[in-house]
C-alpha atoms as a PDB file:
ATOM      1  CA  UNK A   1      73.040 309.762 -94.986  1.00  0.00           C
ATOM      2  CA  UNK A   2      74.938 307.609 -92.511  1.00  0.00           C
ATOM      3  CA  UNK A   3      71.678 306.521 -90.917  1.00  0.00           C
ATOM      4  CA  UNK A   4      70.141 305.671 -94.281  1.00  0.00           C
ATOM      5  CA  UNK A   5      73.092 303.349 -94.924  1.00  0.00           C
ATOM      6  CA  UNK A   6      71.915 301.154 -92.035  1.00  0.00           C
ATOM      7  CA  UNK A   7      68.960 299.995 -94.134  1.00  0.00           C
ATOM      8  CA  UNK A   8      70.403 298.599 -97.379  1.00  0.00           C
ATOM      9  CA  UNK A   9      68.037 298.770-100.318  1.00  0.00           C
ATOM     10  CA  UNK A  10      65.647 301.192 -98.639  1.00  0.00           C
ATOM     11  CA  UNK A  11      67.288 304.320-100.027  1.00  0.00           C
ATOM     12  CA  UNK A  12      68.389 303.671-103.635  1.00  0.00           C
ATOM     13  CA  UNK A  13      70.962 306.211-104.763  1.00  0.00           C
ATOM     14  CA  UNK A  14      69.076 307.052-107.941  1.00  0.00           C
ATOM     15  CA  UNK A  15      66.204 308.442-105.866  1.00  0.00           C
ATOM     16  CA  UNK A  16      67.842 309.523-102.610  1.00  0.00           C
ATOM     17  CA  UNK A  17      70.565 312.053-103.357  1.00  0.00           C
ATOM     18  CA  UNK A  18      72.449 314.532-101.170  1.00  0.00           C
ATOM     19  CA  UNK A  19      69.991 317.367-101.780  1.00  0.00           C
ATOM     20  CA  UNK A  20      67.116 315.317-100.336  1.00  0.00           C
ATOM     21  CA  UNK A  21      69.025 314.591 -97.135  1.00  0.00           C
ATOM     22  CA  UNK A  22      70.162 318.221 -96.882  1.00  0.00           C
ATOM     23  CA  UNK A  23      66.627 319.472 -97.559  1.00  0.00           C
ATOM     24  CA  UNK A  24      65.163 317.347 -94.775  1.00  0.00           C
ATOM     25  CA  UNK A  25      67.765 318.544 -92.274  1.00  0.00           C
ATOM     26  CA  UNK A  26      67.166 322.165 -93.261  1.00  0.00           C
ATOM     27  CA  UNK A  27      63.368 321.862 -93.092  1.00  0.00           C
ATOM     28  CA  UNK A  28      63.427 320.279 -89.648  1.00  0.00           C
ATOM     29  CA  UNK A  29      65.953 322.716 -88.203  1.00  0.00           C
ATOM     30  CA  UNK A  30      63.936 325.664 -89.524  1.00  0.00           C
ATOM     31  CA  UNK A  31      60.638 324.254 -88.274  1.00  0.00           C
ATOM     32  CA  UNK A  32      61.796 323.692 -84.690  1.00  0.00           C
ATOM     33  CA  UNK A  33      64.879 325.836 -84.015  1.00  0.00           C
ATOM     34  CA  UNK A  34      64.404 325.536 -80.243  1.00  0.00           C
ATOM     35  CA  UNK A  35      64.910 321.749 -80.345  1.00  0.00           C
ATOM     36  CA  UNK A  36      67.878 319.841 -78.990  1.00  0.00           C
ATOM     37  CA  UNK A  37      70.240 318.013 -81.345  1.00  0.00           C
ATOM     38  CA  UNK A  38      68.700 314.721 -80.217  1.00  0.00           C
ATOM     39  CA  UNK A  39      65.179 315.921 -80.987  1.00  0.00           C
ATOM     40  CA  UNK A  40      66.194 317.138 -84.441  1.00  0.00           C
ATOM     41  CA  UNK A  41      67.973 313.848 -85.094  1.00  0.00           C
ATOM     42  CA  UNK A  42      64.776 311.965 -84.270  1.00  0.00           C
ATOM     43  CA  UNK A  43      62.705 314.296 -86.449  1.00  0.00           C
ATOM     44  CA  UNK A  44      65.051 313.842 -89.406  1.00  0.00           C
ATOM     45  CA  UNK A  45      65.139 310.052 -89.000  1.00  0.00           C
ATOM     46  CA  UNK A  46      61.347 310.015 -88.908  1.00  0.00           C
ATOM     47  CA  UNK A  47      61.201 312.148 -92.058  1.00  0.00           C
ATOM     48  CA  UNK A  48      63.572 309.703 -93.748  1.00  0.00           C
ATOM     49  CA  UNK A  49      61.255 306.837 -92.841  1.00  0.00           C
ATOM     50  CA  UNK A  50      58.329 308.696 -94.428  1.00  0.00           C
ATOM     51  CA  UNK A  51      60.258 309.124 -97.680  1.00  0.00           C
ATOM     52  CA  UNK A  52      61.253 305.463 -97.582  1.00  0.00           C
ATOM     53  CA  UNK A  53      57.610 304.449 -97.131  1.00  0.00           C
ATOM     54  CA  UNK A  54      56.626 306.660-100.069  1.00  0.00           C
ATOM     55  CA  UNK A  55      59.270 304.981-102.216  1.00  0.00           C
ATOM     56  CA  UNK A  56      58.056 301.516-101.200  1.00  0.00           C
ATOM     57  CA  UNK A  57      54.468 302.388-102.158  1.00  0.00           C
ATOM     58  CA  UNK A  58      55.200 304.270-105.382  1.00  0.00           C
ATOM     59  CA  UNK A  59      58.263 302.407-106.588  1.00  0.00           C
ATOM     60  CA  UNK A  60      58.080 298.873-105.203  1.00  0.00           C
ATOM     61  CA  UNK A  61      54.446 297.771-104.660  1.00  0.00           C
ATOM     62  CA  UNK A  62      53.202 296.169-107.894  1.00  0.00           C
ATOM     63  CA  UNK A  63      49.788 294.935-106.800  1.00  0.00           C
ATOM     64  CA  UNK A  64      47.107 295.649-104.254  1.00  0.00           C
ATOM     65  CA  UNK A  65      48.265 292.560-102.329  1.00  0.00           C
ATOM     66  CA  UNK A  66      51.807 293.979-102.166  1.00  0.00           C
ATOM     67  CA  UNK A  67      50.402 297.253-100.918  1.00  0.00           C
ATOM     68  CA  UNK A  68      48.145 295.643 -98.314  1.00  0.00           C
ATOM     69  CA  UNK A  69      51.024 293.557 -96.933  1.00  0.00           C
ATOM     70  CA  UNK A  70      53.281 296.592 -96.693  1.00  0.00           C
ATOM     71  CA  UNK A  71      50.713 298.726 -94.887  1.00  0.00           C
ATOM     72  CA  UNK A  72      49.549 295.934 -92.581  1.00  0.00           C
ATOM     73  CA  UNK A  73      53.108 295.109 -91.530  1.00  0.00           C
ATOM     74  CA  UNK A  74      53.817 298.758 -90.759  1.00  0.00           C
ATOM     75  CA  UNK A  75      50.714 299.104 -88.608  1.00  0.00           C
ATOM     76  CA  UNK A  76      51.412 295.881 -86.754  1.00  0.00           C
ATOM     77  CA  UNK A  77      54.976 297.004 -86.113  1.00  0.00           C
ATOM     78  CA  UNK A  78      53.777 300.361 -84.797  1.00  0.00           C
ATOM     79  CA  UNK A  79      51.334 298.601 -82.494  1.00  0.00           C
ATOM     80  CA  UNK A  80      54.188 296.563 -81.004  1.00  0.00           C
ATOM     81  CA  UNK A  81      53.773 293.246 -82.836  1.00  0.00           C
ATOM     82  CA  UNK A  82      57.239 291.651 -82.974  1.00  0.00           C
ATOM     83  CA  UNK A  83      56.031 288.521 -84.750  1.00  0.00           C
ATOM     84  CA  UNK A  84      55.818 289.889 -88.287  1.00  0.00           C
ATOM     85  CA  UNK A  85      58.337 289.218 -91.035  1.00  0.00           C
ATOM     86  CA  UNK A  86      60.961 291.956 -90.750  1.00  0.00           C
ATOM     87  CA  UNK A  87      61.688 294.157 -93.745  1.00  0.00           C
ATOM     88  CA  UNK A  88      64.035 297.142 -93.898  1.00  0.00           C
ATOM     89  CA  UNK A  89      60.999 299.443 -93.690  1.00  0.00           C
ATOM     90  CA  UNK A  90      59.489 297.746 -90.639  1.00  0.00           C
ATOM     91  CA  UNK A  91      62.893 297.463 -88.930  1.00  0.00           C
ATOM     92  CA  UNK A  92      63.354 301.191 -89.369  1.00  0.00           C
ATOM     93  CA  UNK A  93      59.842 301.849 -88.021  1.00  0.00           C
ATOM     94  CA  UNK A  94      60.501 299.535 -85.065  1.00  0.00           C
ATOM     95  CA  UNK A  95      63.621 301.565 -84.249  1.00  0.00           C
ATOM     96  CA  UNK A  96      61.522 304.737 -84.229  1.00  0.00           C
ATOM     97  CA  UNK A  97      58.913 303.080 -82.011  1.00  0.00           C
ATOM     98  CA  UNK A  98      61.650 302.030 -79.576  1.00  0.00           C
ATOM     99  CA  UNK A  99      62.792 305.642 -79.320  1.00  0.00           C
ATOM    100  CA  UNK A 100      59.226 306.681 -78.542  1.00  0.00           C
ATOM    101  CA  UNK A 101      58.848 303.881 -76.010  1.00  0.00           C
ATOM    102  CA  UNK A 102      61.453 305.624 -73.883  1.00  0.00           C
ATOM    103  CA  UNK A 103      59.117 308.616 -73.557  1.00  0.00           C
ATOM    104  CA  UNK A 104      56.954 308.332 -70.401  1.00  0.00           C
ATOM    105  CA  UNK A 105      53.915 309.832 -72.149  1.00  0.00           C
ATOM    106  CA  UNK A 106      54.038 307.415 -75.065  1.00  0.00           C
ATOM    107  CA  UNK A 107      52.149 304.386 -73.664  1.00  0.00           C
ATOM    108  CA  UNK A 108      49.096 306.528 -72.967  1.00  0.00           C
ATOM    109  CA  UNK A 109      49.231 308.065 -76.440  1.00  0.00           C
ATOM    110  CA  UNK A 110      50.348 305.123 -78.521  1.00  0.00           C
ATOM    111  CA  UNK A 111      46.863 304.684 -79.978  1.00  0.00           C
ATOM    112  CA  UNK A 112      46.907 308.329 -81.127  1.00  0.00           C
ATOM    113  CA  UNK A 113      50.307 307.783 -82.753  1.00  0.00           C
ATOM    114  CA  UNK A 114      49.235 304.582 -84.493  1.00  0.00           C
ATOM    115  CA  UNK A 115      46.080 306.294 -85.768  1.00  0.00           C
ATOM    116  CA  UNK A 116      48.123 309.143 -87.262  1.00  0.00           C
ATOM    117  CA  UNK A 117      50.289 306.534 -88.991  1.00  0.00           C
ATOM    118  CA  UNK A 118      47.199 304.683 -90.229  1.00  0.00           C
ATOM    119  CA  UNK A 119      45.847 307.874 -91.809  1.00  0.00           C
ATOM    120  CA  UNK A 120      49.150 308.456 -93.594  1.00  0.00           C
ATOM    121  CA  UNK A 121      49.308 304.887 -94.916  1.00  0.00           C
ATOM    122  CA  UNK A 122      45.636 304.886 -95.921  1.00  0.00           C
ATOM    123  CA  UNK A 123      46.110 308.155 -97.818  1.00  0.00           C
ATOM    124  CA  UNK A 124      49.097 306.736 -99.704  1.00  0.00           C
ATOM    125  CA  UNK A 125      47.060 303.646-100.570  1.00  0.00           C
ATOM    126  CA  UNK A 126      44.249 305.848-101.852  1.00  0.00           C
ATOM    127  CA  UNK A 127      46.661 307.716-104.129  1.00  0.00           C
ATOM    128  CA  UNK A 128      48.030 304.382-105.361  1.00  0.00           C
ATOM    129  CA  UNK A 129      44.486 303.345-106.259  1.00  0.00           C
ATOM    130  CA  UNK A 130      43.807 306.660-108.000  1.00  0.00           C
ATOM    131  CA  UNK A 131      46.915 306.244-110.140  1.00  0.00           C
ATOM    132  CA  UNK A 132      45.965 302.679-110.990  1.00  0.00           C
ATOM    133  CA  UNK A 133      42.445 303.770-111.935  1.00  0.00           C
ATOM    134  CA  UNK A 134      43.777 306.641-114.056  1.00  0.00           C
ATOM    135  CA  UNK A 135      45.988 304.213-115.997  1.00  0.00           C
ATOM    136  CA  UNK A 136      42.794 302.342-116.892  1.00  0.00           C
ATOM    137  CA  UNK A 137      41.137 305.531-118.119  1.00  0.00           C
ATOM    138  CA  UNK A 138      38.912 305.980-115.077  1.00  0.00           C
ATOM    139  CA  UNK A 139      38.113 309.476-113.730  1.00  0.00           C
ATOM    140  CA  UNK A 140      40.542 311.218-111.400  1.00  0.00           C
ATOM    141  CA  UNK A 141      39.347 312.589-108.035  1.00  0.00           C
ATOM    142  CA  UNK A 142      38.114 316.149-107.787  1.00  0.00           C
ATOM    143  CA  UNK A 143      40.163 318.843-106.073  1.00  0.00           C
ATOM    144  CA  UNK A 144      38.244 318.678-102.741  1.00  0.00           C
ATOM    145  CA  UNK A 145      38.665 314.900-102.553  1.00  0.00           C
ATOM    146  CA  UNK A 146      42.339 315.208-103.482  1.00  0.00           C
ATOM    147  CA  UNK A 147      42.975 317.800-100.768  1.00  0.00           C
ATOM    148  CA  UNK A 148      41.005 315.699 -98.281  1.00  0.00           C
ATOM    149  CA  UNK A 149      43.666 313.038 -98.810  1.00  0.00           C
ATOM    150  CA  UNK A 150      46.537 315.331 -97.761  1.00  0.00           C
ATOM    151  CA  UNK A 151      47.505 312.919 -94.970  1.00  0.00           C
ATOM    152  CA  UNK A 152      49.600 311.414 -97.781  1.00  0.00           C
ATOM    153  CA  UNK A 153      52.127 314.176 -97.033  1.00  0.00           C
ATOM    154  CA  UNK A 154      52.639 312.552 -93.583  1.00  0.00           C
ATOM    155  CA  UNK A 155      52.818 316.014 -92.013  1.00  0.00           C
ATOM    156  CA  UNK A 156      50.305 315.185 -89.282  1.00  0.00           C
ATOM    157  CA  UNK A 157      52.014 311.861 -88.538  1.00  0.00           C
ATOM    158  CA  UNK A 158      55.374 313.610 -88.226  1.00  0.00           C
ATOM    159  CA  UNK A 159      53.869 316.345 -86.046  1.00  0.00           C
ATOM    160  CA  UNK A 160      52.310 313.920 -83.560  1.00  0.00           C
ATOM    161  CA  UNK A 161      55.511 311.864 -83.420  1.00  0.00           C
ATOM    162  CA  UNK A 162      57.662 314.926 -82.833  1.00  0.00           C
ATOM    163  CA  UNK A 163      55.473 316.374 -80.097  1.00  0.00           C
ATOM    164  CA  UNK A 164      55.558 313.009 -78.363  1.00  0.00           C
ATOM    165  CA  UNK A 165      59.305 312.530 -78.612  1.00  0.00           C
ATOM    166  CA  UNK A 166      60.081 316.101 -77.533  1.00  0.00           C
ATOM    167  CA  UNK A 167      57.683 315.701 -74.586  1.00  0.00           C
ATOM    168  CA  UNK A 168      55.837 318.893 -75.432  1.00  0.00           C
ATOM    169  CA  UNK A 169      53.239 318.440 -72.720  1.00  0.00           C
ATOM    170  CA  UNK A 170      51.308 321.553 -73.701  1.00  0.00           C
ATOM    171  CA  UNK A 171      51.032 320.259 -77.252  1.00  0.00           C
ATOM    172  CA  UNK A 172      49.914 316.844 -76.049  1.00  0.00           C
ATOM    173  CA  UNK A 173      47.208 318.474 -73.909  1.00  0.00           C
ATOM    174  CA  UNK A 174      45.812 320.136 -77.055  1.00  0.00           C
ATOM    175  CA  UNK A 175      46.589 317.391 -79.552  1.00  0.00           C
ATOM    176  CA  UNK A 176      43.099 317.338 -81.073  1.00  0.00           C
ATOM    177  CA  UNK A 177      43.088 321.078 -81.800  1.00  0.00           C
ATOM    178  CA  UNK A 178      46.632 320.913 -83.153  1.00  0.00           C
ATOM    179  CA  UNK A 179      45.765 317.971 -85.360  1.00  0.00           C
ATOM    180  CA  UNK A 180      42.775 319.855 -86.757  1.00  0.00           C
ATOM    181  CA  UNK A 181      44.983 322.846 -87.569  1.00  0.00           C
ATOM    182  CA  UNK A 182      47.691 320.559 -88.911  1.00  0.00           C
ATOM    183  CA  UNK A 183      45.223 318.921 -91.291  1.00  0.00           C
ATOM    184  CA  UNK A 184      44.814 322.318 -92.984  1.00  0.00           C
ATOM    185  CA  UNK A 185      48.552 322.997 -92.925  1.00  0.00           C
ATOM    186  CA  UNK A 186      49.292 319.764 -94.757  1.00  0.00           C
ATOM    187  CA  UNK A 187      46.816 320.752 -97.472  1.00  0.00           C
ATOM    188  CA  UNK A 188      48.883 323.892 -98.027  1.00  0.00           C
ATOM    189  CA  UNK A 189      52.055 321.782 -98.148  1.00  0.00           C
ATOM    190  CA  UNK A 190      50.437 319.425-100.654  1.00  0.00           C
ATOM    191  CA  UNK A 191      49.597 322.292-103.019  1.00  0.00           C
ATOM    192  CA  UNK A 192      52.986 323.980-102.686  1.00  0.00           C
ATOM    193  CA  UNK A 193      54.677 320.687-103.483  1.00  0.00           C
ATOM    194  CA  UNK A 194      52.432 320.128-106.488  1.00  0.00           C
ATOM    195  CA  UNK A 195      53.264 323.527-107.984  1.00  0.00           C
ATOM    196  CA  UNK A 196      56.983 322.748-107.663  1.00  0.00           C
ATOM    197  CA  UNK A 197      56.864 319.182-108.980  1.00  0.00           C
ATOM    198  CA  UNK A 198      54.274 319.426-111.774  1.00  0.00           C
ATOM    199  CA  UNK A 199      56.593 318.675-114.695  1.00  0.00           C
ATOM    200  CA  UNK A 200      58.121 315.635-113.030  1.00  0.00           C
ATOM    201  CA  UNK A 201      54.749 314.362-111.837  1.00  0.00           C
ATOM    202  CA  UNK A 202      53.400 314.710-115.364  1.00  0.00           C
ATOM    203  CA  UNK A 203      56.287 312.661-116.741  1.00  0.00           C
ATOM    204  CA  UNK A 204      56.034 309.950-114.080  1.00  0.00           C
ATOM    205  CA  UNK A 205      52.247 309.721-113.934  1.00  0.00           C
ATOM    206  CA  UNK A 206      52.056 310.830-110.298  1.00  0.00           C
ATOM    207  CA  UNK A 207      48.966 312.698-109.187  1.00  0.00           C
ATOM    208  CA  UNK A 208      49.160 316.481-109.083  1.00  0.00           C
ATOM    209  CA  UNK A 209      46.455 319.044-108.427  1.00  0.00           C
ATOM    210  CA  UNK A 210      47.240 320.692-111.774  1.00  0.00           C
ATOM    211  CA  UNK A 211      46.064 317.549-113.574  1.00  0.00           C
ATOM    212  CA  UNK A 212      42.621 317.806-111.943  1.00  0.00           C
ATOM    213  CA  UNK A 213      41.162 320.628-114.038  1.00  0.00           C
ATOM    214  CA  UNK A 214      42.565 323.581-112.097  1.00  0.00           C
ATOM    215  CA  UNK A 215      45.212 326.110-113.150  1.00  0.00           C
ATOM    216  CA  UNK A 216      48.139 327.692-111.311  1.00  0.00           C
ATOM    217  CA  UNK A 217      46.278 330.932-110.601  1.00  0.00           C
ATOM    218  CA  UNK A 218      43.402 329.001-109.056  1.00  0.00           C
ATOM    219  CA  UNK A 219      45.812 326.924-106.992  1.00  0.00           C
ATOM    220  CA  UNK A 220      47.533 330.090-105.749  1.00  0.00           C
ATOM    221  CA  UNK A 221      44.161 331.502-104.719  1.00  0.00           C
ATOM    222  CA  UNK A 222      43.287 328.238-102.985  1.00  0.00           C
ATOM    223  CA  UNK A 223      46.593 328.314-101.104  1.00  0.00           C
ATOM    224  CA  UNK A 224      45.855 331.860 -99.939  1.00  0.00           C
ATOM    225  CA  UNK A 225      42.440 330.833 -98.644  1.00  0.00           C
ATOM    226  CA  UNK A 226      43.876 327.801 -96.866  1.00  0.00           C
ATOM    227  CA  UNK A 227      46.656 329.824 -95.249  1.00  0.00           C
ATOM    228  CA  UNK A 228      44.057 332.237 -93.896  1.00  0.00           C
ATOM    229  CA  UNK A 229      42.098 329.315 -92.446  1.00  0.00           C
ATOM    230  CA  UNK A 230      45.302 327.906 -90.947  1.00  0.00           C
ATOM    231  CA  UNK A 231      45.977 331.196 -89.193  1.00  0.00           C
ATOM    232  CA  UNK A 232      42.455 331.238 -87.777  1.00  0.00           C
ATOM    233  CA  UNK A 233      43.016 327.766 -86.324  1.00  0.00           C
ATOM    234  CA  UNK A 234      46.542 328.418 -85.075  1.00  0.00           C
ATOM    235  CA  UNK A 235      46.017 331.849 -83.485  1.00  0.00           C
ATOM    236  CA  UNK A 236      44.019 330.598 -80.443  1.00  0.00           C
ATOM    237  CA  UNK A 237      46.676 327.942 -79.837  1.00  0.00           C
ATOM    238  CA  UNK A 238      49.527 330.407 -79.435  1.00  0.00           C
ATOM    239  CA  UNK A 239      48.662 331.017 -75.799  1.00  0.00           C
ATOM    240  CA  UNK A 240      47.997 327.341 -74.998  1.00  0.00           C
ATOM    241  CA  UNK A 241      50.868 325.608 -76.778  1.00  0.00           C
ATOM    242  CA  UNK A 242      53.113 328.308 -78.255  1.00  0.00           C
ATOM    243  CA  UNK A 243      55.930 326.141 -79.582  1.00  0.00           C
ATOM    244  CA  UNK A 244      53.588 323.740 -81.350  1.00  0.00           C
ATOM    245  CA  UNK A 245      51.654 326.654 -82.862  1.00  0.00           C
ATOM    246  CA  UNK A 246      54.899 328.243 -84.043  1.00  0.00           C
ATOM    247  CA  UNK A 247      56.003 324.888 -85.467  1.00  0.00           C
ATOM    248  CA  UNK A 248      52.892 324.726 -87.662  1.00  0.00           C
ATOM    249  CA  UNK A 249      53.355 328.305 -88.858  1.00  0.00           C
ATOM    250  CA  UNK A 250      57.013 327.712 -89.624  1.00  0.00           C
ATOM    251  CA  UNK A 251      56.142 324.653 -91.724  1.00  0.00           C
ATOM    252  CA  UNK A 252      54.106 326.903 -94.012  1.00  0.00           C
ATOM    253  CA  UNK A 253      56.769 329.605 -94.100  1.00  0.00           C
ATOM    254  CA  UNK A 254      59.596 327.217 -94.922  1.00  0.00           C
ATOM    255  CA  UNK A 255      57.673 325.351 -97.606  1.00  0.00           C
ATOM    256  CA  UNK A 256      56.477 328.562 -99.275  1.00  0.00           C
ATOM    257  CA  UNK A 257      60.100 329.586 -99.821  1.00  0.00           C
ATOM    258  CA  UNK A 258      61.626 326.146-100.398  1.00  0.00           C
ATOM    259  CA  UNK A 259      59.237 325.056-103.117  1.00  0.00           C
ATOM    260  CA  UNK A 260      59.806 328.259-105.080  1.00  0.00           C
ATOM    261  CA  UNK A 261      63.371 327.092-105.647  1.00  0.00           C
ATOM    262  CA  UNK A 262      63.372 323.305-105.597  1.00  0.00           C
ATOM    263  CA  UNK A 263      61.777 320.235-104.023  1.00  0.00           C
ATOM    264  CA  UNK A 264      63.040 317.210-102.130  1.00  0.00           C
ATOM    265  CA  UNK A 265      63.212 314.951-105.201  1.00  0.00           C
ATOM    266  CA  UNK A 266      65.022 317.544-107.329  1.00  0.00           C
ATOM    267  CA  UNK A 267      67.844 315.148-108.262  1.00  0.00           C
ATOM    268  CA  UNK A 268      65.519 312.572-109.803  1.00  0.00           C
END
């Protein structure tokens, strides 16, 4: 919470309450219990930035031009462009990039990091467009298309950032395989979140898999199938990059329990 206070206006109190900050700290500590305090601090700050970006897209952007400016400025900041107009969101992202710049492996992998950020931002923009289209009575996406947009959870972006900052060289050597497995993991996280937040999403007009013509039993079956596919992808990685493989498995385990009780926006 102290760090959030450094960026006035980015974390409005009516949306960012104590349970959200506590939930992020708990999730990150559970996901990577072997990490140093500094690594967990970075991971939590990065998670805060993701939630701030989500709030800027869902709660602040009023037009496609607003959205395009926001996303473009973030990408330019991540790429090292210091000439853009600073906003609280881009200042926060620039601080994260500076932390990564201190990592010797980062220059050679900056393009990978920026691409993971681009996928997250593009997925959020796609959801923004879907909501706008739905308000005009246009059809919603199907379940496969919705799940294919699970980069909106930012899980893969956070994973790549964390493996870079923690200098997990074995993970970085297998980043493509980990990213492929992580793409399935974030689909599981998307569905678990949707089951927990359905009532609030329905009231706010946010997209949710349960509004796409599928019921809870079908979603539970889909989650089971996806978890099985995740395990198939993760199992071969346990001998090559054991901590990163465990990190992906622990994300599923934590979320499966957490979302049965609450979700990050529970105070809204």
